[in-house]
C-alpha atoms as a PDB file:
ATOM      1  CA  MET A   1     -35.326 -30.231 -44.913  1.00  0.00           C
ATOM      2  CA  SER A   2     -36.999 -27.385 -46.700  1.00  0.00           C
ATOM      3  CA  VAL A   3     -38.761 -27.286 -50.013  1.00  0.00           C
ATOM      4  CA  LYS A   4     -37.392 -24.672 -52.409  1.00  0.00           C
ATOM      5  CA  SER A   5     -38.084 -23.552 -55.935  1.00  0.00           C
ATOM      6  CA  ILE A   6     -35.160 -24.775 -57.998  1.00  0.00           C
ATOM      7  CA  ARG A   7     -34.308 -23.894 -61.598  1.00  0.00           C
ATOM      8  CA  PHE A   8     -32.507 -26.633 -63.566  1.00  0.00           C
ATOM      9  CA  PHE A   9     -30.135 -26.191 -66.512  1.00  0.00           C
ATOM     10  CA  ASP A  10     -28.740 -28.683 -69.022  1.00  0.00           C
ATOM     11  CA  ALA A  11     -25.041 -29.114 -69.818  1.00  0.00           C
ATOM     12  CA  ASN A  12     -25.242 -26.176 -72.275  1.00  0.00           C
ATOM     13  CA  GLY A  13     -26.578 -23.884 -69.585  1.00  0.00           C
ATOM     14  CA  ASP A  14     -30.076 -23.780 -71.110  1.00  0.00           C
ATOM     15  CA  HIS A  15     -33.009 -23.654 -68.695  1.00  0.00           C
ATOM     16  CA  VAL A  16     -34.745 -27.044 -68.576  1.00  0.00           C
ATOM     17  CA  ASN A  17     -37.343 -26.809 -65.823  1.00  0.00           C
ATOM     18  CA  THR A  18     -38.299 -25.141 -62.563  1.00  0.00           C
ATOM     19  CA  ILE A  19     -39.885 -27.193 -59.806  1.00  0.00           C
ATOM     20  CA  ARG A  20     -40.375 -27.136 -56.056  1.00  0.00           C
ATOM     21  CA  VAL A  21     -38.329 -29.850 -54.392  1.00  0.00           C
ATOM     22  CA  GLU A  22     -36.368 -30.416 -51.233  1.00  0.00           C
ATOM     23  CA  GLU A  23     -33.031 -28.761 -51.831  1.00  0.00           C
ATOM     24  CA  ALA A  24     -31.205 -31.874 -50.609  1.00  0.00           C
ATOM     25  CA  LEU A  25     -32.758 -33.829 -53.513  1.00  0.00           C
ATOM     26  CA  ALA A  26     -31.927 -31.295 -56.250  1.00  0.00           C
ATOM     27  CA  ASP A  27     -28.981 -33.345 -57.542  1.00  0.00           C
ATOM     28  CA  ASP A  28     -31.378 -36.219 -58.281  1.00  0.00           C
ATOM     29  CA  PHE A  29     -33.343 -33.972 -60.671  1.00  0.00           C
ATOM     30  CA  THR A  30     -30.369 -32.312 -62.365  1.00  0.00           C
ATOM     31  CA  PRO A  31     -29.711 -33.376 -65.998  1.00  0.00           C
ATOM     32  CA  ASP A  32     -26.380 -35.134 -66.628  1.00  0.00           C
ATOM     33  CA  GLY A  33     -23.682 -32.476 -66.822  1.00  0.00           C
ATOM     34  CA  GLY A  34     -26.220 -29.835 -65.849  1.00  0.00           C
ATOM     35  CA  SER A  35     -26.600 -27.569 -62.879  1.00  0.00           C
ATOM     36  CA  TYR A  36     -29.257 -25.962 -60.742  1.00  0.00           C
ATOM     37  CA  GLU A  37     -29.868 -22.823 -58.751  1.00  0.00           C
ATOM     38  CA  VAL A  38     -32.150 -22.182 -55.823  1.00  0.00           C
ATOM     39  CA  ILE A  39     -34.596 -19.419 -56.639  1.00  0.00           C
ATOM     40  CA  ASP A  40     -34.932 -16.707 -54.057  1.00  0.00           C
ATOM     41  CA  THR A  41     -37.701 -17.803 -51.716  1.00  0.00           C
ATOM     42  CA  THR A  42     -38.987 -14.249 -51.759  1.00  0.00           C
ATOM     43  CA  ALA A  43     -39.754 -14.492 -55.454  1.00  0.00           C
ATOM     44  CA  SER A  44     -41.766 -11.681 -56.915  1.00  0.00           C
ATOM     45  CA  ASP A  45     -45.323 -12.155 -58.128  1.00  0.00           C
ATOM     46  CA  SER A  46     -44.110 -12.088 -61.735  1.00  0.00           C
ATOM     47  CA  GLU A  47     -41.533 -14.828 -61.030  1.00  0.00           C
ATOM     48  CA  ARG A  48     -44.210 -16.992 -59.423  1.00  0.00           C
ATOM     49  CA  LEU A  49     -46.507 -16.339 -62.373  1.00  0.00           C
ATOM     50  CA  LEU A  50     -43.766 -17.374 -64.823  1.00  0.00           C
ATOM     51  CA  ILE A  51     -43.278 -20.623 -62.902  1.00  0.00           C
ATOM     52  CA  GLN A  52     -47.009 -21.326 -63.250  1.00  0.00           C
ATOM     53  CA  ILE A  53     -46.910 -20.418 -66.952  1.00  0.00           C
ATOM     54  CA  ARG A  54     -44.005 -22.803 -67.557  1.00  0.00           C
ATOM     55  CA  ALA A  55     -45.839 -25.588 -65.732  1.00  0.00           C
ATOM     56  CA  LYS A  56     -48.969 -25.120 -67.883  1.00  0.00           C
ATOM     57  CA  ARG A  57     -46.806 -24.862 -70.997  1.00  0.00           C
ATOM     58  CA  ASP A  58     -45.085 -28.148 -70.130  1.00  0.00           C
ATOM     59  CA  ILE A  59     -48.473 -29.857 -69.762  1.00  0.00           C
ATOM     60  CA  LEU A  60     -49.594 -28.529 -73.159  1.00  0.00           C
ATOM     61  CA  LEU A  61     -46.357 -29.720 -74.781  1.00  0.00           C
ATOM     62  CA  ASP A  62     -46.723 -33.184 -73.263  1.00  0.00           C
ATOM     63  CA  ALA A  63     -50.343 -33.415 -74.422  1.00  0.00           C
ATOM     64  CA  THR A  64     -49.427 -32.630 -78.042  1.00  0.00           C
ATOM     65  CA  GLU A  65     -46.273 -34.718 -78.376  1.00  0.00           C
ATOM     66  CA  TRP A  66     -48.036 -37.430 -80.382  1.00  0.00           C
ATOM     67  CA  ARG A  67     -49.056 -34.916 -83.061  1.00  0.00           C
ATOM     68  CA  VAL A  68     -45.464 -34.360 -84.182  1.00  0.00           C
ATOM     69  CA  ASN A  69     -44.325 -37.982 -84.167  1.00  0.00           C
ATOM     70  CA  ALA A  70     -43.541 -39.394 -87.592  1.00  0.00           C
ATOM     71  CA  ASP A  71     -45.902 -42.353 -87.139  1.00  0.00           C
ATOM     72  CA  ASN A  72     -49.138 -40.357 -86.834  1.00  0.00           C
ATOM     73  CA  SER A  73     -51.750 -40.028 -89.564  1.00  0.00           C
ATOM     74  CA  LEU A  74     -51.604 -36.238 -89.917  1.00  0.00           C
ATOM     75  CA  SER A  75     -50.820 -34.649 -93.275  1.00  0.00           C
ATOM     76  CA  GLU A  76     -47.468 -32.870 -93.595  1.00  0.00           C
ATOM     77  CA  GLU A  77     -49.319 -29.543 -93.548  1.00  0.00           C
ATOM     78  CA  ASP A  78     -51.165 -30.403 -90.313  1.00  0.00           C
ATOM     79  CA  ARG A  79     -48.007 -31.785 -88.739  1.00  0.00           C
ATOM     80  CA  ALA A  80     -46.139 -28.564 -89.645  1.00  0.00           C
ATOM     81  CA  ALA A  81     -48.898 -26.522 -87.990  1.00  0.00           C
ATOM     82  CA  TRP A  82     -48.490 -28.546 -84.786  1.00  0.00           C
ATOM     83  CA  VAL A  83     -44.697 -28.180 -84.916  1.00  0.00           C
ATOM     84  CA  ALA A  84     -45.150 -24.392 -85.190  1.00  0.00           C
ATOM     85  CA  TYR A  85     -47.644 -24.379 -82.306  1.00  0.00           C
ATOM     86  CA  ARG A  86     -45.293 -26.373 -80.099  1.00  0.00           C
ATOM     87  CA  GLN A  87     -42.442 -23.979 -80.923  1.00  0.00           C
ATOM     88  CA  ALA A  88     -44.682 -21.059 -79.959  1.00  0.00           C
ATOM     89  CA  LEU A  89     -45.326 -22.812 -76.625  1.00  0.00           C
ATOM     90  CA  ARG A  90     -41.587 -23.285 -76.063  1.00  0.00           C
ATOM     91  CA  ASP A  91     -40.980 -19.592 -76.804  1.00  0.00           C
ATOM     92  CA  PHE A  92     -44.002 -18.415 -74.831  1.00  0.00           C
ATOM     93  CA  PRO A  93     -42.465 -17.815 -71.388  1.00  0.00           C
ATOM     94  CA  ALA A  94     -39.835 -15.531 -72.924  1.00  0.00           C
ATOM     95  CA  THR A  95     -42.339 -13.564 -75.009  1.00  0.00           C
ATOM     96  CA  VAL A  96     -45.441 -13.360 -72.809  1.00  0.00           C
ATOM     97  CA  ASP A  97     -46.768 -10.026 -71.602  1.00  0.00           C
ATOM     98  CA  LEU A  98     -47.609 -10.782 -67.965  1.00  0.00           C
ATOM     99  CA  ALA A  99     -50.124  -7.930 -67.926  1.00  0.00           C
ATOM    100  CA  ALA A 100     -52.152  -9.520 -70.748  1.00  0.00           C
ATOM    101  CA  ILE A 101     -51.480 -13.251 -71.090  1.00  0.00           C
ATOM    102  CA  VAL A 102     -52.643 -14.668 -74.416  1.00  0.00           C
ATOM    103  CA  TRP A 103     -51.722 -18.303 -75.010  1.00  0.00           C
ATOM    104  CA  PRO A 104     -50.824 -19.550 -78.492  1.00  0.00           C
ATOM    105  CA  GLU A 105     -53.826 -21.101 -80.235  1.00  0.00           C
ATOM    106  CA  PRO A 106     -53.528 -24.784 -81.180  1.00  0.00           C
ATOM    107  CA  PRO A 107     -54.178 -25.738 -84.805  1.00  0.00           C
ATOM    108  CA  SER A 108     -57.721 -26.792 -85.624  1.00  0.00           C
ATOM    109  CA  SER A 109     -56.594 -30.148 -87.063  1.00  0.00           C
END
């Protein structure tokens, strides 16, 4: 079996994640009703960089999840700032200039 970079999509066709996994196991990682595609193993440097950017972005989103939950002690203003930051992270891979990567800044609260 060979490990491949695989891009996963949800049932609406929206990109969900890209990971390296054995191609034979890809169905186990595919969202219900979703699909996947094997990324060309000769991916360009920019494609590899985008995969790394998405991985870091996913870590940052996971680390800030608690800040947007309704049961935290943040003010509505602070919570709104974190919601905006998290949206900027979600949009980041589509808007980043690979020649000059500047990550969104988290709120100070």
